[in-house]
Amino acid sequence: MEALRDADLDRARALVEGDRSVNRARWALEERAIAAVAMQAPVATDLRRLTSALSVVGELERIGDHAAGIARVNLMLGADGVVPRRLGYIPSMSDRALAMLDDALLAFQHDDLPRARHVCQADDDLDRLQDRVYQDAFNAMVHDPSQVQRLTYALWIAHNLERIGDRSTNICERVIYTVTGQLLDLSKQSG
C-alpha cells in the first residue's frame, strides 16, 4: 500500500517478484508438515494443529498473491505524477485488513478464541468499506467517464484488500478448529 500511495514502481516490481519466494516457502512448509504426519503420527489436538497450520500456510500464500495483485495494479497505474496518490477509503481498508491479519495470526499463535471471533466481526466493517469504495467509484465513473480505467483499478485494489480480510477470517476458523475440534464458517456467523 505504501508503494501504491507513493507510486513506487520499483518497490511494486520487487513485491511481484517476491511472491515467487512466498510460493516456494509454502511448498517447503507443506512438505515438512506431511513428513511430520508420516513420521510422528500425531493425534487429536496435535493433528488438528498440524492440519490447521497447513491451511494457514495456504491462506498466507494467497494473501501474498493479493498483495502482489495490488503491486501489479500499481505498475498498471504507472508513474502518474500524483504523489502521494489520493486513494479514498482504500487506505482505511488496508489498515483494517492488516489489523485483521495481525489479530488472526496472534489468535493462531496463542489459541485465542475471543480474538478469532473478533476478526470475524471486523470483516463486516471491511466489507462495508469495500461497498463504500465501490459506490464512490461507480458514482465517479458516471460523472466523469474519463476516469473509468483508473477507478476500475481502485475496485481491483479494494477487492484484493477485502479478500485479505476473508482469508484472515479463514485463519480464525482454523484457530477454532484447533482448539475445539469444530469446523465453523465464521463468515456466515457475522453477517
N, C-alpha and C. Protein backbone atom coordinates (compact mmCIF):
# COMPACT_ATOMS: atom_id res chain seq x y z
N MET A 1 0.83 -1.19 0.00
CA MET A 1 0.00 0.00 0.00
C MET A 1 0.87 1.26 0.00
N GLU A 2 2.00 1.20 0.69
CA GLU A 2 2.91 2.36 0.65
C GLU A 2 3.46 2.56 -0.76
N ALA A 3 3.80 1.48 -1.43
CA ALA A 3 4.29 1.60 -2.81
C ALA A 3 3.20 2.16 -3.71
N LEU A 4 1.98 1.77 -3.48
CA LEU A 4 0.86 2.28 -4.28
C LEU A 4 0.65 3.76 -4.00
N ARG A 5 0.61 4.12 -2.73
CA ARG A 5 0.40 5.53 -2.37
C ARG A 5 1.47 6.43 -2.97
N ASP A 6 2.72 5.94 -2.92
CA ASP A 6 3.85 6.75 -3.36
C ASP A 6 4.20 6.55 -4.83
N ALA A 7 3.41 5.75 -5.55
CA ALA A 7 3.69 5.42 -6.95
C ALA A 7 5.12 4.90 -7.10
N ASP A 8 5.53 4.06 -6.16
CA ASP A 8 6.87 3.50 -6.14
C ASP A 8 6.87 2.22 -6.99
N LEU A 9 7.23 2.36 -8.25
CA LEU A 9 7.16 1.24 -9.19
C LEU A 9 8.26 0.22 -8.95
N ASP A 10 9.42 0.66 -8.49
CA ASP A 10 10.49 -0.29 -8.18
C ASP A 10 10.09 -1.21 -7.04
N ARG A 11 9.49 -0.65 -6.02
CA ARG A 11 9.04 -1.46 -4.89
C ARG A 11 7.91 -2.40 -5.33
N ALA A 12 7.03 -1.92 -6.19
CA ALA A 12 5.95 -2.77 -6.71
C ALA A 12 6.52 -3.96 -7.47
N ARG A 13 7.53 -3.72 -8.30
CA ARG A 13 8.16 -4.81 -9.05
C ARG A 13 8.79 -5.82 -8.10
N ALA A 14 9.45 -5.32 -7.05
CA ALA A 14 10.08 -6.21 -6.07
C ALA A 14 9.02 -7.05 -5.35
N LEU A 15 7.87 -6.47 -5.06
CA LEU A 15 6.80 -7.22 -4.41
C LEU A 15 6.27 -8.33 -5.32
N VAL A 16 6.10 -8.03 -6.58
CA VAL A 16 5.63 -9.04 -7.52
C VAL A 16 6.65 -10.17 -7.61
N GLU A 17 7.92 -9.83 -7.70
CA GLU A 17 8.98 -10.85 -7.76
C GLU A 17 9.03 -11.65 -6.46
N GLY A 18 8.84 -10.99 -5.33
CA GLY A 18 8.89 -11.66 -4.03
C GLY A 18 7.80 -12.69 -3.84
N ASP A 19 6.73 -12.58 -4.60
CA ASP A 19 5.64 -13.54 -4.48
C ASP A 19 6.11 -14.95 -4.81
N ARG A 20 7.07 -15.08 -5.70
CA ARG A 20 7.59 -16.41 -6.05
C ARG A 20 8.24 -17.08 -4.84
N SER A 21 8.97 -16.31 -4.04
CA SER A 21 9.62 -16.90 -2.87
C SER A 21 8.60 -17.30 -1.82
N VAL A 22 7.50 -16.56 -1.74
CA VAL A 22 6.42 -16.94 -0.82
C VAL A 22 5.84 -18.29 -1.25
N ASN A 23 5.63 -18.46 -2.53
CA ASN A 23 5.12 -19.73 -3.04
C ASN A 23 6.06 -20.88 -2.71
N ARG A 24 7.35 -20.67 -2.91
CA ARG A 24 8.33 -21.72 -2.60
C ARG A 24 8.33 -22.05 -1.10
N ALA A 25 8.21 -21.03 -0.26
CA ALA A 25 8.17 -21.25 1.18
C ALA A 25 6.94 -22.07 1.56
N ARG A 26 5.82 -21.79 0.93
CA ARG A 26 4.61 -22.56 1.22
C ARG A 26 4.83 -24.03 0.90
N TRP A 27 5.37 -24.31 -0.27
CA TRP A 27 5.58 -25.70 -0.66
C TRP A 27 6.53 -26.41 0.29
N ALA A 28 7.59 -25.71 0.71
CA ALA A 28 8.55 -26.31 1.63
C ALA A 28 7.89 -26.62 2.98
N LEU A 29 7.07 -25.70 3.47
CA LEU A 29 6.38 -25.94 4.74
C LEU A 29 5.38 -27.09 4.63
N GLU A 30 4.70 -27.18 3.51
CA GLU A 30 3.77 -28.29 3.31
C GLU A 30 4.51 -29.63 3.32
N GLU A 31 5.67 -29.68 2.67
CA GLU A 31 6.46 -30.92 2.67
C GLU A 31 6.89 -31.29 4.08
N ARG A 32 7.30 -30.30 4.87
CA ARG A 32 7.71 -30.59 6.26
C ARG A 32 6.54 -31.09 7.09
N ALA A 33 5.38 -30.50 6.89
CA ALA A 33 4.21 -30.93 7.65
C ALA A 33 3.80 -32.35 7.29
N ILE A 34 3.84 -32.66 6.01
CA ILE A 34 3.49 -34.01 5.57
C ILE A 34 4.48 -35.02 6.13
N ALA A 35 5.76 -34.65 6.14
CA ALA A 35 6.77 -35.54 6.72
C ALA A 35 6.50 -35.73 8.22
N ALA A 36 6.10 -34.68 8.91
CA ALA A 36 5.80 -34.80 10.35
C ALA A 36 4.64 -35.75 10.58
N VAL A 37 3.62 -35.66 9.74
CA VAL A 37 2.48 -36.59 9.87
C VAL A 37 2.96 -38.02 9.66
N ALA A 38 3.76 -38.23 8.64
CA ALA A 38 4.23 -39.57 8.31
C ALA A 38 5.13 -40.15 9.40
N MET A 39 6.00 -39.32 9.97
CA MET A 39 6.99 -39.83 10.93
C MET A 39 6.49 -39.82 12.37
N GLN A 40 5.65 -38.86 12.73
CA GLN A 40 5.26 -38.69 14.13
C GLN A 40 3.88 -39.28 14.44
N ALA A 41 3.04 -39.44 13.44
CA ALA A 41 1.67 -39.92 13.62
C ALA A 41 0.94 -39.17 14.74
N PRO A 42 0.82 -37.84 14.59
CA PRO A 42 0.15 -37.06 15.65
C PRO A 42 -1.33 -37.41 15.74
N VAL A 43 -1.90 -37.20 16.92
CA VAL A 43 -3.32 -37.48 17.14
C VAL A 43 -3.97 -36.28 17.82
N ALA A 44 -5.28 -36.25 17.78
CA ALA A 44 -6.13 -35.27 18.46
C ALA A 44 -5.66 -33.83 18.19
N THR A 45 -5.39 -33.09 19.25
CA THR A 45 -5.07 -31.67 19.12
C THR A 45 -3.83 -31.45 18.27
N ASP A 46 -2.83 -32.32 18.42
CA ASP A 46 -1.61 -32.15 17.62
C ASP A 46 -1.90 -32.30 16.13
N LEU A 47 -2.75 -33.24 15.77
CA LEU A 47 -3.10 -33.42 14.37
C LEU A 47 -3.93 -32.24 13.87
N ARG A 48 -4.86 -31.76 14.70
CA ARG A 48 -5.65 -30.58 14.31
C ARG A 48 -4.74 -29.37 14.12
N ARG A 49 -3.77 -29.20 15.02
CA ARG A 49 -2.85 -28.06 14.91
C ARG A 49 -2.03 -28.17 13.63
N LEU A 50 -1.57 -29.34 13.30
CA LEU A 50 -0.77 -29.52 12.10
C LEU A 50 -1.60 -29.29 10.84
N THR A 51 -2.80 -29.84 10.79
CA THR A 51 -3.64 -29.62 9.60
C THR A 51 -4.06 -28.16 9.51
N SER A 52 -4.28 -27.53 10.65
CA SER A 52 -4.62 -26.11 10.64
C SER A 52 -3.44 -25.28 10.14
N ALA A 53 -2.25 -25.64 10.57
CA ALA A 53 -1.06 -24.93 10.10
C ALA A 53 -0.92 -25.04 8.59
N LEU A 54 -1.22 -26.20 8.04
CA LEU A 54 -1.19 -26.36 6.58
C LEU A 54 -2.19 -25.42 5.92
N SER A 55 -3.36 -25.33 6.49
CA SER A 55 -4.38 -24.43 5.94
C SER A 55 -3.93 -22.97 6.05
N VAL A 56 -3.38 -22.60 7.19
CA VAL A 56 -2.92 -21.23 7.41
C VAL A 56 -1.82 -20.87 6.42
N VAL A 57 -0.91 -21.79 6.19
CA VAL A 57 0.17 -21.53 5.22
C VAL A 57 -0.43 -21.24 3.84
N GLY A 58 -1.44 -21.99 3.46
CA GLY A 58 -2.11 -21.73 2.19
C GLY A 58 -2.78 -20.37 2.16
N GLU A 59 -3.42 -20.01 3.25
CA GLU A 59 -4.07 -18.69 3.33
C GLU A 59 -3.04 -17.58 3.25
N LEU A 60 -1.92 -17.74 3.92
CA LEU A 60 -0.87 -16.71 3.88
C LEU A 60 -0.29 -16.58 2.47
N GLU A 61 -0.13 -17.70 1.79
CA GLU A 61 0.36 -17.64 0.41
C GLU A 61 -0.62 -16.88 -0.47
N ARG A 62 -1.91 -17.12 -0.29
CA ARG A 62 -2.93 -16.41 -1.07
C ARG A 62 -2.95 -14.93 -0.71
N ILE A 63 -2.73 -14.59 0.55
CA ILE A 63 -2.63 -13.18 0.94
C ILE A 63 -1.46 -12.53 0.20
N GLY A 64 -0.36 -13.27 0.08
CA GLY A 64 0.76 -12.76 -0.71
C GLY A 64 0.36 -12.52 -2.16
N ASP A 65 -0.48 -13.40 -2.70
CA ASP A 65 -0.97 -13.20 -4.06
C ASP A 65 -1.79 -11.92 -4.16
N HIS A 66 -2.62 -11.66 -3.15
CA HIS A 66 -3.42 -10.43 -3.16
C HIS A 66 -2.53 -9.19 -3.06
N ALA A 67 -1.49 -9.26 -2.25
CA ALA A 67 -0.55 -8.14 -2.15
C ALA A 67 0.15 -7.93 -3.49
N ALA A 68 0.54 -9.02 -4.13
CA ALA A 68 1.17 -8.90 -5.45
C ALA A 68 0.18 -8.33 -6.47
N GLY A 69 -1.10 -8.66 -6.31
CA GLY A 69 -2.12 -8.10 -7.19
C GLY A 69 -2.20 -6.59 -7.05
N ILE A 70 -2.10 -6.10 -5.84
CA ILE A 70 -2.11 -4.65 -5.62
C ILE A 70 -0.85 -4.03 -6.23
N ALA A 71 0.28 -4.71 -6.09
CA ALA A 71 1.52 -4.21 -6.69
C ALA A 71 1.40 -4.17 -8.22
N ARG A 72 0.73 -5.16 -8.80
CA ARG A 72 0.54 -5.16 -10.26
C ARG A 72 -0.34 -3.99 -10.70
N VAL A 73 -1.35 -3.68 -9.91
CA VAL A 73 -2.18 -2.51 -10.22
C VAL A 73 -1.33 -1.25 -10.18
N ASN A 74 -0.45 -1.17 -9.19
CA ASN A 74 0.45 -0.02 -9.09
C ASN A 74 1.26 0.10 -10.38
N LEU A 75 1.75 -1.02 -10.89
CA LEU A 75 2.52 -0.99 -12.13
C LEU A 75 1.65 -0.56 -13.32
N MET A 76 0.39 -0.99 -13.33
CA MET A 76 -0.51 -0.58 -14.41
C MET A 76 -0.81 0.92 -14.36
N LEU A 77 -0.91 1.44 -13.14
CA LEU A 77 -1.15 2.88 -12.99
C LEU A 77 0.06 3.68 -13.44
N GLY A 78 1.25 3.12 -13.23
CA GLY A 78 2.47 3.80 -13.65
C GLY A 78 2.74 5.02 -12.80
N ALA A 79 3.71 5.76 -13.20
CA ALA A 79 4.09 6.99 -12.50
C ALA A 79 3.20 8.10 -13.05
N ASP A 80 2.09 8.32 -12.36
CA ASP A 80 1.09 9.28 -12.87
C ASP A 80 1.36 10.72 -12.46
N GLY A 81 2.42 10.96 -11.75
CA GLY A 81 2.76 12.32 -11.37
C GLY A 81 2.02 12.82 -10.15
N VAL A 82 1.08 12.04 -9.63
CA VAL A 82 0.33 12.45 -8.45
C VAL A 82 0.84 11.63 -7.28
N VAL A 83 1.72 12.22 -6.49
CA VAL A 83 2.29 11.53 -5.34
C VAL A 83 2.18 12.43 -4.13
N PRO A 84 1.66 11.99 -3.00
CA PRO A 84 1.04 10.69 -2.84
C PRO A 84 -0.32 10.63 -3.55
N ARG A 85 -0.68 9.44 -3.96
CA ARG A 85 -1.94 9.25 -4.68
C ARG A 85 -3.13 9.40 -3.73
N ARG A 86 -4.19 9.95 -4.25
CA ARG A 86 -5.45 10.01 -3.49
C ARG A 86 -6.15 8.68 -3.67
N LEU A 87 -6.46 8.02 -2.58
CA LEU A 87 -6.99 6.66 -2.65
C LEU A 87 -8.33 6.50 -1.94
N GLY A 88 -8.93 7.59 -1.51
CA GLY A 88 -10.25 7.49 -0.88
C GLY A 88 -10.24 6.60 0.35
N TYR A 89 -11.16 5.64 0.37
CA TYR A 89 -11.30 4.74 1.52
C TYR A 89 -10.33 3.57 1.48
N ILE A 90 -9.54 3.45 0.44
CA ILE A 90 -8.65 2.30 0.31
C ILE A 90 -7.61 2.23 1.44
N PRO A 91 -6.99 3.34 1.86
CA PRO A 91 -6.06 3.22 2.99
C PRO A 91 -6.75 2.72 4.27
N SER A 92 -7.99 3.13 4.50
CA SER A 92 -8.73 2.62 5.67
C SER A 92 -8.98 1.12 5.52
N MET A 93 -9.31 0.69 4.31
CA MET A 93 -9.48 -0.74 4.07
C MET A 93 -8.18 -1.48 4.36
N SER A 94 -7.08 -0.92 3.90
CA SER A 94 -5.78 -1.55 4.12
C SER A 94 -5.47 -1.66 5.61
N ASP A 95 -5.69 -0.58 6.34
CA ASP A 95 -5.44 -0.62 7.80
C ASP A 95 -6.26 -1.70 8.47
N ARG A 96 -7.53 -1.80 8.09
CA ARG A 96 -8.40 -2.81 8.71
C ARG A 96 -7.97 -4.22 8.31
N ALA A 97 -7.67 -4.43 7.04
CA ALA A 97 -7.26 -5.76 6.58
C ALA A 97 -5.98 -6.21 7.27
N LEU A 98 -5.01 -5.30 7.41
CA LEU A 98 -3.76 -5.67 8.07
C LEU A 98 -3.96 -5.91 9.56
N ALA A 99 -4.83 -5.14 10.19
CA ALA A 99 -5.13 -5.39 11.61
C ALA A 99 -5.80 -6.75 11.78
N MET A 100 -6.70 -7.08 10.86
CA MET A 100 -7.34 -8.40 10.92
C MET A 100 -6.31 -9.51 10.77
N LEU A 101 -5.39 -9.34 9.83
CA LEU A 101 -4.36 -10.36 9.63
C LEU A 101 -3.49 -10.49 10.87
N ASP A 102 -3.06 -9.37 11.43
CA ASP A 102 -2.25 -9.42 12.66
C ASP A 102 -3.00 -10.14 13.78
N ASP A 103 -4.28 -9.80 13.96
CA ASP A 103 -5.08 -10.44 15.01
C ASP A 103 -5.27 -11.93 14.72
N ALA A 104 -5.49 -12.27 13.47
CA ALA A 104 -5.67 -13.69 13.12
C ALA A 104 -4.41 -14.48 13.44
N LEU A 105 -3.25 -13.93 13.12
CA LEU A 105 -2.01 -14.65 13.39
C LEU A 105 -1.74 -14.75 14.89
N LEU A 106 -2.07 -13.70 15.64
CA LEU A 106 -1.94 -13.78 17.10
C LEU A 106 -2.91 -14.80 17.68
N ALA A 107 -4.12 -14.83 17.15
CA ALA A 107 -5.10 -15.82 17.61
C ALA A 107 -4.59 -17.23 17.34
N PHE A 108 -4.00 -17.43 16.17
CA PHE A 108 -3.47 -18.75 15.83
C PHE A 108 -2.30 -19.11 16.74
N GLN A 109 -1.42 -18.17 16.94
CA GLN A 109 -0.24 -18.41 17.77
C GLN A 109 -0.60 -18.76 19.21
N HIS A 110 -1.65 -18.12 19.74
CA HIS A 110 -1.97 -18.27 21.16
C HIS A 110 -3.27 -19.03 21.43
N ASP A 111 -3.85 -19.66 20.39
CA ASP A 111 -5.13 -20.36 20.54
C ASP A 111 -6.16 -19.46 21.20
N ASP A 112 -6.26 -18.23 20.74
CA ASP A 112 -7.09 -17.19 21.33
C ASP A 112 -8.45 -17.13 20.64
N LEU A 113 -9.43 -17.83 21.23
CA LEU A 113 -10.76 -17.88 20.62
C LEU A 113 -11.47 -16.52 20.59
N PRO A 114 -11.43 -15.72 21.65
CA PRO A 114 -12.09 -14.41 21.56
C PRO A 114 -11.51 -13.53 20.46
N ARG A 115 -10.21 -13.55 20.31
CA ARG A 115 -9.58 -12.75 19.25
C ARG A 115 -9.99 -13.28 17.88
N ALA A 116 -10.08 -14.58 17.74
CA ALA A 116 -10.51 -15.16 16.46
C ALA A 116 -11.93 -14.70 16.12
N ARG A 117 -12.81 -14.70 17.09
CA ARG A 117 -14.19 -14.26 16.84
C ARG A 117 -14.24 -12.76 16.53
N HIS A 118 -13.36 -11.99 17.15
CA HIS A 118 -13.29 -10.55 16.88
C HIS A 118 -12.92 -10.29 15.41
N VAL A 119 -12.00 -11.08 14.88
CA VAL A 119 -11.61 -10.91 13.48
C VAL A 119 -12.82 -11.09 12.57
N CYS A 120 -13.64 -12.07 12.89
CA CYS A 120 -14.84 -12.30 12.09
C CYS A 120 -15.73 -11.07 12.09
N GLN A 121 -15.90 -10.46 13.24
CA GLN A 121 -16.74 -9.27 13.33
C GLN A 121 -16.11 -8.09 12.58
N ALA A 122 -14.80 -7.99 12.62
CA ALA A 122 -14.11 -6.90 11.91
C ALA A 122 -14.28 -7.04 10.40
N ASP A 123 -14.49 -8.26 9.93
CA ASP A 123 -14.68 -8.47 8.50
C ASP A 123 -15.91 -7.74 7.99
N ASP A 124 -16.93 -7.62 8.81
CA ASP A 124 -18.13 -6.88 8.41
C ASP A 124 -17.80 -5.41 8.12
N ASP A 125 -16.93 -4.81 8.96
CA ASP A 125 -16.53 -3.42 8.73
C ASP A 125 -15.74 -3.29 7.43
N LEU A 126 -14.87 -4.25 7.18
CA LEU A 126 -14.09 -4.22 5.95
C LEU A 126 -15.01 -4.34 4.73
N ASP A 127 -16.00 -5.20 4.82
CA ASP A 127 -16.97 -5.35 3.72
C ASP A 127 -17.73 -4.05 3.48
N ARG A 128 -18.09 -3.35 4.55
CA ARG A 128 -18.79 -2.07 4.40
C ARG A 128 -17.90 -1.02 3.73
N LEU A 129 -16.63 -1.03 4.09
CA LEU A 129 -15.70 -0.10 3.43
C LEU A 129 -15.57 -0.43 1.94
N GLN A 130 -15.51 -1.70 1.62
CA GLN A 130 -15.44 -2.07 0.21
C GLN A 130 -16.69 -1.59 -0.53
N ASP A 131 -17.85 -1.76 0.08
CA ASP A 131 -19.08 -1.27 -0.54
C ASP A 131 -18.99 0.23 -0.80
N ARG A 132 -18.40 0.96 0.14
CA ARG A 132 -18.26 2.41 0.00
C ARG A 132 -17.33 2.76 -1.15
N VAL A 133 -16.21 2.03 -1.26
CA VAL A 133 -15.28 2.25 -2.37
C VAL A 133 -16.00 2.00 -3.69
N TYR A 134 -16.75 0.91 -3.77
CA TYR A 134 -17.46 0.58 -5.00
C TYR A 134 -18.49 1.67 -5.33
N GLN A 135 -19.25 2.08 -4.33
CA GLN A 135 -20.27 3.11 -4.56
C GLN A 135 -19.63 4.41 -5.05
N ASP A 136 -18.58 4.85 -4.38
CA ASP A 136 -17.91 6.08 -4.78
C ASP A 136 -17.31 5.96 -6.18
N ALA A 137 -16.71 4.82 -6.48
CA ALA A 137 -16.09 4.64 -7.80
C ALA A 137 -17.15 4.65 -8.90
N PHE A 138 -18.23 3.95 -8.69
CA PHE A 138 -19.27 3.91 -9.73
C PHE A 138 -19.90 5.28 -9.93
N ASN A 139 -20.14 6.00 -8.84
CA ASN A 139 -20.68 7.37 -8.96
C ASN A 139 -19.71 8.27 -9.72
N ALA A 140 -18.44 8.17 -9.42
CA ALA A 140 -17.45 8.99 -10.11
C ALA A 140 -17.34 8.62 -11.59
N MET A 141 -17.47 7.33 -11.90
CA MET A 141 -17.44 6.90 -13.30
C MET A 141 -18.59 7.50 -14.11
N VAL A 142 -19.75 7.57 -13.47
CA VAL A 142 -20.92 8.14 -14.15
C VAL A 142 -20.70 9.61 -14.44
N HIS A 143 -20.12 10.31 -13.47
CA HIS A 143 -19.91 11.75 -13.62
C HIS A 143 -18.71 12.11 -14.50
N ASP A 144 -17.73 11.21 -14.57
CA ASP A 144 -16.54 11.50 -15.38
C ASP A 144 -16.03 10.20 -16.02
N PRO A 145 -16.60 9.83 -17.15
CA PRO A 145 -16.21 8.58 -17.81
C PRO A 145 -14.72 8.48 -18.15
N SER A 146 -14.02 9.60 -18.20
CA SER A 146 -12.58 9.53 -18.48
C SER A 146 -11.81 8.85 -17.34
N GLN A 147 -12.45 8.71 -16.18
CA GLN A 147 -11.81 8.11 -15.00
C GLN A 147 -12.08 6.62 -14.84
N VAL A 148 -12.79 6.02 -15.80
CA VAL A 148 -13.22 4.63 -15.66
C VAL A 148 -12.04 3.69 -15.43
N GLN A 149 -11.00 3.81 -16.23
CA GLN A 149 -9.86 2.89 -16.08
C GLN A 149 -9.21 3.04 -14.71
N ARG A 150 -8.91 4.25 -14.30
CA ARG A 150 -8.27 4.48 -13.00
C ARG A 150 -9.14 3.98 -11.86
N LEU A 151 -10.44 4.23 -11.96
CA LEU A 151 -11.34 3.79 -10.90
C LEU A 151 -11.55 2.28 -10.91
N THR A 152 -11.47 1.67 -12.06
CA THR A 152 -11.52 0.21 -12.13
C THR A 152 -10.34 -0.39 -11.37
N TYR A 153 -9.18 0.22 -11.50
CA TYR A 153 -8.02 -0.23 -10.74
C TYR A 153 -8.29 -0.11 -9.23
N ALA A 154 -8.95 0.96 -8.83
CA ALA A 154 -9.30 1.12 -7.41
C ALA A 154 -10.22 -0.01 -6.95
N LEU A 155 -11.13 -0.42 -7.81
CA LEU A 155 -12.02 -1.54 -7.47
C LEU A 155 -11.22 -2.82 -7.30
N TRP A 156 -10.23 -3.03 -8.15
CA TRP A 156 -9.39 -4.22 -8.03
C TRP A 156 -8.61 -4.21 -6.72
N ILE A 157 -8.10 -3.05 -6.35
CA ILE A 157 -7.36 -2.94 -5.09
C ILE A 157 -8.29 -3.24 -3.91
N ALA A 158 -9.48 -2.65 -3.93
CA ALA A 158 -10.44 -2.89 -2.85
C ALA A 158 -10.79 -4.37 -2.76
N HIS A 159 -10.95 -5.01 -3.91
CA HIS A 159 -11.26 -6.44 -3.91
C HIS A 159 -10.13 -7.24 -3.26
N ASN A 160 -8.89 -6.93 -3.61
CA ASN A 160 -7.76 -7.64 -3.00
C ASN A 160 -7.72 -7.45 -1.49
N LEU A 161 -7.99 -6.24 -1.03
CA LEU A 161 -7.98 -5.98 0.42
C LEU A 161 -9.11 -6.72 1.11
N GLU A 162 -10.27 -6.77 0.48
CA GLU A 162 -11.40 -7.49 1.06
C GLU A 162 -11.08 -8.97 1.16
N ARG A 163 -10.42 -9.51 0.17
CA ARG A 163 -10.05 -10.93 0.18
C ARG A 163 -9.01 -11.22 1.28
N ILE A 164 -8.12 -10.27 1.55
CA ILE A 164 -7.18 -10.45 2.66
C ILE A 164 -7.96 -10.58 3.97
N GLY A 165 -9.00 -9.77 4.13
CA GLY A 165 -9.85 -9.90 5.31
C GLY A 165 -10.54 -11.25 5.37
N ASP A 166 -11.05 -11.71 4.24
CA ASP A 166 -11.71 -13.03 4.22
C ASP A 166 -10.72 -14.13 4.57
N ARG A 167 -9.52 -14.04 4.07
CA ARG A 167 -8.52 -15.07 4.36
C ARG A 167 -8.08 -15.02 5.82
N SER A 168 -8.09 -13.84 6.41
CA SER A 168 -7.82 -13.72 7.85
C SER A 168 -8.91 -14.41 8.65
N THR A 169 -10.15 -14.27 8.20
CA THR A 169 -11.26 -14.97 8.84
C THR A 169 -11.07 -16.48 8.70
N ASN A 170 -10.61 -16.93 7.54
CA ASN A 170 -10.36 -18.36 7.35
C ASN A 170 -9.32 -18.87 8.34
N ILE A 171 -8.29 -18.07 8.60
CA ILE A 171 -7.29 -18.46 9.59
C ILE A 171 -7.95 -18.63 10.95
N CYS A 172 -8.85 -17.73 11.28
CA CYS A 172 -9.54 -17.81 12.58
C CYS A 172 -10.45 -19.03 12.67
N GLU A 173 -11.01 -19.44 11.56
CA GLU A 173 -11.78 -20.69 11.56
C GLU A 173 -10.89 -21.85 11.96
N ARG A 174 -9.63 -21.80 11.54
CA ARG A 174 -8.69 -22.86 11.91
C ARG A 174 -8.28 -22.78 13.37
N VAL A 175 -8.26 -21.58 13.93
CA VAL A 175 -8.00 -21.44 15.36
C VAL A 175 -9.09 -22.18 16.14
N ILE A 176 -10.33 -21.92 15.78
CA ILE A 176 -11.45 -22.57 16.47
C ILE A 176 -11.39 -24.08 16.29
N TYR A 177 -11.07 -24.52 15.09
CA TYR A 177 -10.95 -25.96 14.84
C TYR A 177 -9.84 -26.57 15.70
N THR A 178 -8.70 -25.91 15.76
CA THR A 178 -7.59 -26.43 16.54
C THR A 178 -7.96 -26.59 18.00
N VAL A 179 -8.62 -25.58 18.55
CA VAL A 179 -8.92 -25.58 19.98
C VAL A 179 -10.12 -26.45 20.31
N THR A 180 -11.17 -26.40 19.48
CA THR A 180 -12.43 -27.08 19.83
C THR A 180 -12.72 -28.34 19.03
N GLY A 181 -12.09 -28.48 17.88
CA GLY A 181 -12.40 -29.60 17.01
C GLY A 181 -13.61 -29.33 16.12
N GLN A 182 -14.18 -28.13 16.20
CA GLN A 182 -15.34 -27.76 15.38
C GLN A 182 -14.90 -26.96 14.18
N LEU A 183 -15.36 -27.37 13.00
CA LEU A 183 -15.14 -26.59 11.79
C LEU A 183 -16.33 -25.67 11.60
N LEU A 184 -16.10 -24.36 11.71
CA LEU A 184 -17.15 -23.36 11.58
C LEU A 184 -16.87 -22.45 10.41
N ASP A 185 -17.93 -21.92 9.82
CA ASP A 185 -17.80 -20.90 8.78
C ASP A 185 -18.12 -19.56 9.43
N LEU A 186 -17.07 -18.88 9.91
CA LEU A 186 -17.26 -17.63 10.64
C LEU A 186 -17.83 -16.52 9.78
N SER A 187 -17.57 -16.57 8.49
CA SER A 187 -18.10 -15.51 7.63
C SER A 187 -19.63 -15.54 7.62
N LYS A 188 -20.23 -16.67 7.84
CA LYS A 188 -21.68 -16.78 7.85
C LYS A 188 -22.26 -16.37 9.21
N GLN A 189 -21.46 -16.45 10.26
CA GLN A 189 -21.95 -16.12 11.58
C GLN A 189 -22.01 -14.62 11.81
N SER A 190 -21.20 -13.86 11.10
CA SER A 190 -21.15 -12.44 11.38
C SER A 190 -22.15 -11.65 10.55
N GLY A 191 -22.53 -12.16 9.41
CA GLY A 191 -23.37 -11.37 8.51
C GLY A 191 -24.75 -11.70 8.53
